[in-house]
Amino acid sequence: MKELFKKQLENNIVVTEEMLEKIKIKKYKNGDDIKIGDKVLYAIFTDMPEEIIKAKTNFSNAPMERNCESHEIKFELITLNESQFDLYTYDERLQYETNGNIPIIQRKNNERQNYNS
């Protein structure tokens, strides 16, 4: 996971007291507070299974009823820090879609949901 965030870990600055006073959202995706000294990282988060994402974006040969299926993919730009890496996982194949700039991640042990509605 650390390798996915290598650029951000090297280039992002740590949160200062002044920065913390100015930011509106003071919590990470998991609910932890952003603290002085943290290095805030950014990721694209999805709770959709990888095979559904690939099918909806034509990255696989999975059969689909294109006229009945929604092509909507649910992504959210989130913040996290290095201490939260163990909460998330990723699929190597999805990383190519962002050219390695912002990783696409999912919660570990993601529960399957119905994404056709």
Protein backbone atom coordinates (compact mmCIF):
# COMPACT_ATOMS: atom_id res chain seq x y z
CA MET A 1 0.00 0.00 0.00
CA LYS A 2 2.83 2.36 0.83
CA GLU A 3 4.15 2.12 -2.73
CA LEU A 4 0.78 3.38 -4.08
CA PHE A 5 1.15 6.55 -2.04
CA LYS A 6 4.89 7.03 -2.61
CA LYS A 7 4.53 10.33 -4.51
CA GLN A 8 2.16 11.78 -1.93
CA LEU A 9 4.29 10.61 1.00
CA GLU A 10 7.31 12.31 -0.55
CA ASN A 11 5.60 15.51 -1.71
CA ASN A 12 2.68 16.30 0.61
CA ILE A 13 3.45 18.58 3.53
CA VAL A 14 2.53 17.86 7.13
CA VAL A 15 -0.45 19.57 8.71
CA THR A 16 0.44 22.66 10.72
CA GLU A 17 -1.64 24.41 13.37
CA GLU A 18 -2.42 27.20 10.89
CA MET A 19 -3.56 24.71 8.24
CA LEU A 20 -5.72 22.83 10.73
CA GLU A 21 -7.50 26.05 11.72
CA LYS A 22 -8.32 26.82 8.07
CA ILE A 23 -9.56 23.46 6.81
CA LYS A 24 -13.31 22.85 6.92
CA ILE A 25 -13.35 19.05 7.15
CA LYS A 26 -11.18 17.99 10.06
CA LYS A 27 -11.78 14.23 9.89
CA TYR A 28 -10.55 11.39 7.69
CA LYS A 29 -12.91 9.00 5.91
CA ASN A 30 -12.70 6.55 8.82
CA GLY A 31 -13.73 9.24 11.34
CA ASP A 32 -10.32 9.89 12.91
CA ASP A 33 -9.40 13.52 13.51
CA ILE A 34 -6.80 15.17 11.30
CA LYS A 35 -3.99 16.21 13.66
CA ILE A 36 -1.03 18.56 13.56
CA GLY A 37 1.93 16.64 12.12
CA ASP A 38 -0.22 14.34 9.97
CA LYS A 39 0.58 13.94 6.30
CA VAL A 40 -2.85 13.94 4.65
CA LEU A 41 -3.08 11.58 1.70
CA TYR A 42 -5.75 11.39 -0.99
CA ALA A 43 -7.33 8.35 -2.59
CA ILE A 44 -10.28 7.48 -4.76
CA PHE A 45 -12.53 5.25 -2.68
CA THR A 46 -15.14 2.83 -3.94
CA ASP A 47 -17.18 0.22 -2.16
CA MET A 48 -18.10 -1.45 -5.45
CA PRO A 49 -16.46 -4.82 -6.18
CA GLU A 50 -13.66 -4.64 -8.74
CA GLU A 51 -15.42 -7.00 -11.18
CA ILE A 52 -18.48 -4.71 -11.28
CA ILE A 53 -16.32 -1.66 -11.96
CA LYS A 54 -14.54 -3.41 -14.80
CA ALA A 55 -17.80 -4.67 -16.31
CA LYS A 56 -19.42 -1.23 -16.17
CA THR A 57 -16.42 0.43 -17.79
CA ASN A 58 -15.88 -2.22 -20.48
CA PHE A 59 -12.49 -3.24 -19.04
CA SER A 60 -13.54 -6.88 -19.05
CA ASN A 61 -15.45 -9.30 -21.23
CA ALA A 62 -18.08 -9.89 -18.56
CA PRO A 63 -21.52 -10.27 -20.16
CA MET A 64 -23.95 -7.53 -19.24
CA GLU A 65 -27.35 -6.37 -20.33
CA ARG A 66 -26.09 -2.93 -21.35
CA ASN A 67 -29.57 -1.54 -21.99
CA CYS A 68 -30.70 -2.56 -18.47
CA GLU A 69 -27.56 -1.87 -16.47
CA SER A 70 -26.66 1.43 -14.92
CA HIS A 71 -23.21 2.59 -15.99
CA GLU A 72 -22.82 4.64 -12.83
CA ILE A 73 -19.70 3.92 -10.83
CA LYS A 74 -19.56 5.22 -7.28
CA PHE A 75 -16.26 6.86 -6.44
CA GLU A 76 -15.44 9.26 -3.63
CA LEU A 77 -12.30 11.32 -3.11
CA ILE A 78 -11.21 10.67 0.47
CA THR A 79 -8.45 11.61 2.86
CA LEU A 80 -6.45 9.19 4.96
CA ASN A 81 -3.01 8.92 6.50
CA GLU A 82 -0.34 6.27 6.52
CA SER A 83 -1.49 4.79 9.84
CA GLN A 84 -4.81 3.86 8.18
CA PHE A 85 -3.35 1.75 5.36
CA ASP A 86 -4.40 -1.45 7.13
CA LEU A 87 -8.08 -0.45 6.78
CA TYR A 88 -7.97 -0.52 2.99
CA THR A 89 -7.00 -2.74 0.10
CA TYR A 90 -6.55 -2.24 -3.62
CA ASP A 91 -6.59 -4.09 -6.91
CA GLU A 92 -3.42 -3.61 -8.93
CA ARG A 93 -5.40 -3.66 -12.20
CA LEU A 94 -7.50 -0.62 -11.23
CA GLN A 95 -4.43 1.55 -10.57
CA TYR A 96 -3.70 1.90 -14.28
CA GLU A 97 -6.86 3.95 -14.71
CA THR A 98 -5.43 6.84 -12.65
CA ASN A 99 -1.87 6.63 -13.99
CA GLY A 100 -0.71 6.09 -10.43
CA ASN A 101 -1.51 9.66 -9.38
CA ILE A 102 -4.33 8.98 -6.93
CA PRO A 103 -4.78 5.36 -5.84
CA ILE A 104 -8.16 3.62 -6.09
CA ILE A 105 -8.84 1.80 -2.83
CA GLN A 106 -11.57 -0.19 -1.11
CA ARG A 107 -12.30 -1.23 2.47
CA LYS A 108 -10.82 -4.56 3.47
CA ASN A 109 -13.39 -7.36 3.65
CA ASN A 110 -15.76 -5.35 1.46
CA GLU A 111 -19.30 -6.75 1.62
CA ARG A 112 -20.98 -7.45 -1.71
CA GLN A 113 -23.89 -5.18 -2.45
CA ASN A 114 -26.44 -4.93 -5.26
CA TYR A 115 -25.12 -2.20 -7.55
CA ASN A 116 -27.70 -2.62 -10.33
CA SER A 117 -30.31 -0.41 -8.70
